[in-house]
Amino acid sequence: RSNNNKIISSGINAEYGGFGDIVIPGLLTGYSAYFDTIAHPGEIKWYYIITCTSYAIGLILTYGALIGMGIAQPALLYLVPCCLIGVFGTALKRGEVQAMWTGRAGVAAPRPFGNEDELDS
């Protein structure tokens, strides 16, 4: 293992975040952008902005804990709650928790397969 991925912060050697520390919150960020697109087309993508901001706050908390405790911290311990509180807090305030959870905002009810003429008779 090379030492190229080490950072020095206040005299503490620490590893950069792992792949999961980027991918797992990234999935929520991508979903937030998708939900904004289907729920509020043409509007500011608030869920996306809040998820990105919450991720940044989680990173700041992670590195603050790292510096404060002097040992490496599991980043997801800080990132996941920050992101979820931001996204679901916004959904709660906007009354969209169920739509956010199911991904059904702005989507018409599914139609059964078959010919529409057969369904009318």
N, C-alpha and C. Protein backbone atom coordinates (compact mmCIF):
# COMPACT_ATOMS: atom_id res chain seq x y z
N ARG A 1 0.85 -1.18 0.00
CA ARG A 1 0.00 0.00 0.00
C ARG A 1 0.89 1.24 0.00
N SER A 2 0.61 2.13 -0.92
CA SER A 2 1.45 3.32 -1.01
C SER A 2 0.99 4.38 -0.02
N ASN A 3 1.86 5.31 0.27
CA ASN A 3 1.52 6.41 1.16
C ASN A 3 1.00 7.61 0.41
N ASN A 4 0.71 7.46 -0.88
CA ASN A 4 0.23 8.58 -1.67
C ASN A 4 -1.17 9.03 -1.28
N ASN A 5 -1.95 8.15 -0.66
CA ASN A 5 -3.31 8.53 -0.30
C ASN A 5 -3.45 8.97 1.15
N LYS A 6 -2.37 9.32 1.78
CA LYS A 6 -2.41 9.82 3.16
C LYS A 6 -2.55 11.34 3.14
N ILE A 7 -3.24 11.85 4.13
CA ILE A 7 -3.31 13.30 4.30
C ILE A 7 -2.77 13.64 5.68
N ILE A 8 -2.24 14.80 5.82
CA ILE A 8 -1.76 15.27 7.11
C ILE A 8 -2.66 16.42 7.52
N SER A 9 -3.33 16.26 8.65
CA SER A 9 -4.23 17.30 9.14
C SER A 9 -3.96 17.45 10.63
N SER A 10 -3.44 18.57 11.01
CA SER A 10 -3.09 18.83 12.41
C SER A 10 -2.14 17.76 12.96
N GLY A 11 -1.25 17.27 12.11
CA GLY A 11 -0.27 16.29 12.54
C GLY A 11 -0.81 14.88 12.64
N ILE A 12 -2.03 14.62 12.15
CA ILE A 12 -2.64 13.30 12.23
C ILE A 12 -2.65 12.68 10.84
N ASN A 13 -2.11 11.47 10.72
CA ASN A 13 -2.20 10.76 9.45
C ASN A 13 -3.59 10.14 9.35
N ALA A 14 -4.25 10.33 8.23
CA ALA A 14 -5.60 9.79 8.04
C ALA A 14 -5.78 9.38 6.60
N GLU A 15 -6.53 8.32 6.39
CA GLU A 15 -6.84 7.85 5.04
C GLU A 15 -7.97 8.70 4.46
N TYR A 16 -7.96 8.84 3.16
CA TYR A 16 -9.11 9.45 2.49
C TYR A 16 -10.30 8.53 2.66
N GLY A 17 -11.49 9.06 2.41
CA GLY A 17 -12.69 8.24 2.51
C GLY A 17 -12.64 7.08 1.53
N GLY A 18 -13.26 6.00 1.91
CA GLY A 18 -13.29 4.82 1.05
C GLY A 18 -14.31 4.96 -0.07
N PHE A 19 -14.33 3.96 -0.92
CA PHE A 19 -15.23 3.96 -2.08
C PHE A 19 -16.69 4.04 -1.63
N GLY A 20 -17.05 3.30 -0.57
CA GLY A 20 -18.42 3.32 -0.06
C GLY A 20 -18.84 4.66 0.49
N ASP A 21 -17.87 5.43 0.96
CA ASP A 21 -18.17 6.76 1.50
C ASP A 21 -18.59 7.72 0.40
N ILE A 22 -18.32 7.37 -0.82
CA ILE A 22 -18.72 8.19 -1.97
C ILE A 22 -19.94 7.59 -2.65
N VAL A 23 -19.93 6.27 -2.84
CA VAL A 23 -20.99 5.60 -3.61
C VAL A 23 -22.33 5.63 -2.89
N ILE A 24 -22.37 5.29 -1.61
CA ILE A 24 -23.65 5.19 -0.91
C ILE A 24 -24.35 6.55 -0.83
N PRO A 25 -23.69 7.62 -0.38
CA PRO A 25 -24.36 8.92 -0.43
C PRO A 25 -24.61 9.38 -1.88
N GLY A 26 -23.76 8.94 -2.80
CA GLY A 26 -23.95 9.29 -4.21
C GLY A 26 -25.24 8.71 -4.78
N LEU A 27 -25.61 7.52 -4.32
CA LEU A 27 -26.88 6.94 -4.75
C LEU A 27 -28.06 7.80 -4.29
N LEU A 28 -28.00 8.26 -3.06
CA LEU A 28 -29.06 9.15 -2.55
C LEU A 28 -29.06 10.48 -3.29
N THR A 29 -27.89 10.98 -3.60
CA THR A 29 -27.79 12.24 -4.34
C THR A 29 -28.40 12.09 -5.73
N GLY A 30 -28.08 10.99 -6.40
CA GLY A 30 -28.66 10.73 -7.72
C GLY A 30 -30.17 10.57 -7.66
N TYR A 31 -30.65 9.84 -6.64
CA TYR A 31 -32.09 9.68 -6.48
C TYR A 31 -32.76 11.02 -6.20
N SER A 32 -32.11 11.87 -5.41
CA SER A 32 -32.67 13.19 -5.11
C SER A 32 -32.80 14.03 -6.37
N ALA A 33 -31.79 13.97 -7.23
CA ALA A 33 -31.87 14.71 -8.50
C ALA A 33 -33.00 14.16 -9.37
N TYR A 34 -33.14 12.83 -9.41
CA TYR A 34 -34.23 12.20 -10.16
C TYR A 34 -35.59 12.63 -9.61
N PHE A 35 -35.73 12.57 -8.28
CA PHE A 35 -37.01 12.94 -7.67
C PHE A 35 -37.36 14.38 -7.96
N ASP A 36 -36.38 15.27 -7.89
CA ASP A 36 -36.61 16.68 -8.23
C ASP A 36 -37.13 16.81 -9.66
N THR A 37 -36.55 16.03 -10.55
CA THR A 37 -36.92 16.12 -11.97
C THR A 37 -38.36 15.67 -12.20
N ILE A 38 -38.79 14.58 -11.52
CA ILE A 38 -40.15 14.10 -11.76
C ILE A 38 -41.19 14.82 -10.90
N ALA A 39 -40.81 15.26 -9.71
CA ALA A 39 -41.78 15.89 -8.81
C ALA A 39 -41.96 17.37 -9.08
N HIS A 40 -40.89 18.03 -9.49
CA HIS A 40 -40.91 19.48 -9.67
C HIS A 40 -40.18 19.87 -10.95
N PRO A 41 -40.69 19.45 -12.11
CA PRO A 41 -39.98 19.77 -13.36
C PRO A 41 -39.89 21.28 -13.59
N GLY A 42 -38.73 21.72 -13.99
CA GLY A 42 -38.53 23.12 -14.29
C GLY A 42 -38.26 24.01 -13.09
N GLU A 43 -38.27 23.43 -11.88
CA GLU A 43 -38.00 24.21 -10.67
C GLU A 43 -36.58 23.98 -10.20
N ILE A 44 -36.17 24.75 -9.22
CA ILE A 44 -34.85 24.56 -8.61
C ILE A 44 -34.81 23.17 -7.98
N LYS A 45 -33.73 22.46 -8.15
CA LYS A 45 -33.59 21.10 -7.63
C LYS A 45 -33.18 21.14 -6.15
N TRP A 46 -34.16 21.42 -5.28
CA TRP A 46 -33.88 21.59 -3.86
C TRP A 46 -33.39 20.32 -3.20
N TYR A 47 -33.98 19.18 -3.54
CA TYR A 47 -33.53 17.93 -2.92
C TYR A 47 -32.06 17.66 -3.25
N TYR A 48 -31.68 17.89 -4.49
CA TYR A 48 -30.29 17.69 -4.91
C TYR A 48 -29.36 18.63 -4.16
N ILE A 49 -29.73 19.90 -4.08
CA ILE A 49 -28.91 20.90 -3.39
C ILE A 49 -28.77 20.55 -1.91
N ILE A 50 -29.87 20.15 -1.28
CA ILE A 50 -29.83 19.82 0.14
C ILE A 50 -29.02 18.56 0.39
N THR A 51 -29.11 17.57 -0.50
CA THR A 51 -28.32 16.36 -0.34
C THR A 51 -26.83 16.66 -0.46
N CYS A 52 -26.45 17.46 -1.44
CA CYS A 52 -25.03 17.84 -1.60
C CYS A 52 -24.54 18.63 -0.40
N THR A 53 -25.35 19.55 0.08
CA THR A 53 -24.98 20.35 1.25
C THR A 53 -24.86 19.47 2.50
N SER A 54 -25.79 18.55 2.66
CA SER A 54 -25.75 17.64 3.80
C SER A 54 -24.52 16.74 3.75
N TYR A 55 -24.14 16.31 2.55
CA TYR A 55 -22.93 15.50 2.39
C TYR A 55 -21.70 16.30 2.80
N ALA A 56 -21.65 17.56 2.39
CA ALA A 56 -20.51 18.42 2.77
C ALA A 56 -20.47 18.61 4.29
N ILE A 57 -21.62 18.81 4.92
CA ILE A 57 -21.66 18.95 6.37
C ILE A 57 -21.19 17.66 7.04
N GLY A 58 -21.60 16.51 6.50
CA GLY A 58 -21.16 15.22 7.04
C GLY A 58 -19.66 15.04 6.94
N LEU A 59 -19.07 15.49 5.81
CA LEU A 59 -17.62 15.41 5.66
C LEU A 59 -16.91 16.31 6.67
N ILE A 60 -17.44 17.50 6.88
CA ILE A 60 -16.85 18.41 7.86
C ILE A 60 -16.93 17.79 9.26
N LEU A 61 -18.06 17.18 9.60
CA LEU A 61 -18.19 16.51 10.89
C LEU A 61 -17.22 15.34 11.02
N THR A 62 -17.06 14.58 9.94
CA THR A 62 -16.14 13.44 9.95
C THR A 62 -14.72 13.90 10.22
N TYR A 63 -14.27 14.91 9.50
CA TYR A 63 -12.90 15.40 9.69
C TYR A 63 -12.75 16.12 11.02
N GLY A 64 -13.79 16.77 11.51
CA GLY A 64 -13.75 17.37 12.83
C GLY A 64 -13.58 16.32 13.91
N ALA A 65 -14.31 15.20 13.77
CA ALA A 65 -14.18 14.10 14.73
C ALA A 65 -12.80 13.46 14.63
N LEU A 66 -12.29 13.36 13.43
CA LEU A 66 -10.96 12.81 13.21
C LEU A 66 -9.90 13.64 13.93
N ILE A 67 -9.98 14.93 13.75
CA ILE A 67 -9.01 15.83 14.38
C ILE A 67 -9.22 15.87 15.90
N GLY A 68 -10.48 15.91 16.32
CA GLY A 68 -10.78 15.99 17.74
C GLY A 68 -10.40 14.74 18.51
N MET A 69 -10.63 13.56 17.91
CA MET A 69 -10.34 12.31 18.62
C MET A 69 -8.94 11.77 18.31
N GLY A 70 -8.37 12.22 17.21
CA GLY A 70 -7.02 11.79 16.86
C GLY A 70 -6.93 10.40 16.25
N ILE A 71 -8.08 9.79 15.93
CA ILE A 71 -8.07 8.48 15.28
C ILE A 71 -9.04 8.50 14.11
N ALA A 72 -8.84 7.59 13.19
CA ALA A 72 -9.70 7.52 12.00
C ALA A 72 -11.14 7.25 12.42
N GLN A 73 -12.07 7.82 11.67
CA GLN A 73 -13.49 7.69 11.95
C GLN A 73 -14.19 7.03 10.77
N PRO A 74 -15.22 6.22 11.02
CA PRO A 74 -16.03 5.69 9.91
C PRO A 74 -16.89 6.81 9.33
N ALA A 75 -16.58 7.21 8.13
CA ALA A 75 -17.24 8.38 7.53
C ALA A 75 -18.74 8.18 7.39
N LEU A 76 -19.18 6.96 7.09
CA LEU A 76 -20.62 6.74 6.91
C LEU A 76 -21.39 6.99 8.19
N LEU A 77 -20.73 6.90 9.33
CA LEU A 77 -21.36 7.19 10.60
C LEU A 77 -21.85 8.63 10.66
N TYR A 78 -21.20 9.51 9.94
CA TYR A 78 -21.56 10.93 9.90
C TYR A 78 -22.28 11.29 8.61
N LEU A 79 -21.89 10.68 7.50
CA LEU A 79 -22.46 11.05 6.20
C LEU A 79 -23.92 10.62 6.04
N VAL A 80 -24.21 9.39 6.39
CA VAL A 80 -25.57 8.87 6.18
C VAL A 80 -26.61 9.63 7.00
N PRO A 81 -26.41 9.82 8.30
CA PRO A 81 -27.42 10.60 9.03
C PRO A 81 -27.58 12.02 8.51
N CYS A 82 -26.47 12.67 8.17
CA CYS A 82 -26.57 14.04 7.65
C CYS A 82 -27.40 14.07 6.37
N CYS A 83 -27.10 13.16 5.46
CA CYS A 83 -27.84 13.14 4.18
C CYS A 83 -29.30 12.80 4.38
N LEU A 84 -29.58 11.78 5.20
CA LEU A 84 -30.97 11.37 5.40
C LEU A 84 -31.78 12.42 6.14
N ILE A 85 -31.18 13.05 7.14
CA ILE A 85 -31.90 14.11 7.86
C ILE A 85 -32.23 15.26 6.91
N GLY A 86 -31.27 15.63 6.07
CA GLY A 86 -31.51 16.72 5.12
C GLY A 86 -32.61 16.40 4.12
N VAL A 87 -32.53 15.22 3.52
CA VAL A 87 -33.50 14.84 2.47
C VAL A 87 -34.89 14.61 3.06
N PHE A 88 -34.97 13.80 4.10
CA PHE A 88 -36.29 13.49 4.63
C PHE A 88 -36.86 14.64 5.45
N GLY A 89 -36.03 15.49 6.00
CA GLY A 89 -36.52 16.71 6.63
C GLY A 89 -37.19 17.62 5.61
N THR A 90 -36.56 17.72 4.45
CA THR A 90 -37.14 18.52 3.36
C THR A 90 -38.44 17.90 2.87
N ALA A 91 -38.44 16.58 2.71
CA ALA A 91 -39.66 15.89 2.26
C ALA A 91 -40.78 16.05 3.27
N LEU A 92 -40.45 15.99 4.55
CA LEU A 92 -41.45 16.17 5.60
C LEU A 92 -42.03 17.58 5.56
N LYS A 93 -41.15 18.57 5.41
CA LYS A 93 -41.60 19.96 5.37
C LYS A 93 -42.49 20.22 4.15
N ARG A 94 -42.18 19.55 3.03
CA ARG A 94 -42.95 19.75 1.80
C ARG A 94 -44.13 18.79 1.68
N GLY A 95 -44.30 17.90 2.62
CA GLY A 95 -45.40 16.93 2.56
C GLY A 95 -45.22 15.89 1.47
N GLU A 96 -43.98 15.52 1.20
CA GLU A 96 -43.69 14.59 0.11
C GLU A 96 -42.96 13.33 0.57
N VAL A 97 -43.11 12.97 1.83
CA VAL A 97 -42.37 11.82 2.35
C VAL A 97 -42.78 10.54 1.63
N GLN A 98 -44.07 10.30 1.47
CA GLN A 98 -44.52 9.08 0.81
C GLN A 98 -44.07 9.06 -0.64
N ALA A 99 -44.20 10.18 -1.33
CA ALA A 99 -43.77 10.24 -2.73
C ALA A 99 -42.26 10.03 -2.85
N MET A 100 -41.50 10.61 -1.92
CA MET A 100 -40.04 10.43 -1.93
C MET A 100 -39.67 8.98 -1.65
N TRP A 101 -40.36 8.37 -0.71
CA TRP A 101 -40.05 6.99 -0.33
C TRP A 101 -40.38 6.01 -1.46
N THR A 102 -41.53 6.23 -2.12
CA THR A 102 -41.96 5.29 -3.16
C THR A 102 -41.45 5.67 -4.55
N GLY A 103 -41.03 6.92 -4.72
CA GLY A 103 -40.56 7.35 -6.04
C GLY A 103 -41.69 7.55 -7.03
N ARG A 104 -42.89 7.79 -6.55
CA ARG A 104 -44.07 7.88 -7.41
C ARG A 104 -44.53 9.30 -7.68
N ALA A 105 -43.77 10.30 -7.34
CA ALA A 105 -44.20 11.69 -7.55
C ALA A 105 -44.31 12.00 -9.02
N GLY A 106 -45.44 12.53 -9.40
CA GLY A 106 -45.63 12.96 -10.78
C GLY A 106 -45.75 11.83 -11.79
N VAL A 107 -45.89 10.60 -11.31
CA VAL A 107 -45.98 9.45 -12.21
C VAL A 107 -47.42 8.98 -12.22
N ALA A 108 -47.98 8.80 -13.41
CA ALA A 108 -49.36 8.32 -13.53
C ALA A 108 -49.43 6.88 -13.04
N ALA A 109 -50.59 6.47 -12.60
CA ALA A 109 -50.79 5.10 -12.14
C ALA A 109 -50.50 4.14 -13.29
N PRO A 110 -49.88 3.00 -13.00
CA PRO A 110 -49.56 2.05 -14.07
C PRO A 110 -50.83 1.51 -14.71
N ARG A 111 -50.76 1.33 -16.02
CA ARG A 111 -51.90 0.80 -16.77
C ARG A 111 -51.69 -0.68 -17.00
N PRO A 112 -52.76 -1.45 -16.97
CA PRO A 112 -52.62 -2.88 -17.25
C PRO A 112 -52.23 -3.09 -18.72
N PHE A 113 -51.56 -4.20 -18.96
CA PHE A 113 -51.20 -4.53 -20.34
C PHE A 113 -52.45 -4.95 -21.10
N GLY A 114 -52.43 -4.72 -22.39
CA GLY A 114 -53.55 -5.14 -23.22
C GLY A 114 -54.07 -3.99 -24.05
N ASN A 115 -55.04 -4.27 -24.86
CA ASN A 115 -55.65 -3.30 -25.75
C ASN A 115 -56.63 -2.45 -24.94
N GLU A 116 -56.57 -1.15 -25.14
CA GLU A 116 -57.45 -0.25 -24.38
C GLU A 116 -58.92 -0.50 -24.72
N ASP A 117 -59.22 -0.91 -25.95
CA ASP A 117 -60.60 -1.19 -26.33
C ASP A 117 -61.17 -2.35 -25.51
N GLU A 118 -60.32 -3.35 -25.23
CA GLU A 118 -60.76 -4.50 -24.45
C GLU A 118 -61.07 -4.10 -23.01
N LEU A 119 -60.37 -3.10 -22.51
CA LEU A 119 -60.58 -2.67 -21.14
C LEU A 119 -61.89 -1.91 -20.96
N ASP A 120 -62.36 -1.23 -22.02
CA ASP A 120 -63.59 -0.45 -21.93
C ASP A 120 -64.84 -1.33 -21.95
N SER A 121 -64.74 -2.51 -22.52
CA SER A 121 -65.94 -3.36 -22.64
C SER A 121 -66.18 -4.23 -21.46
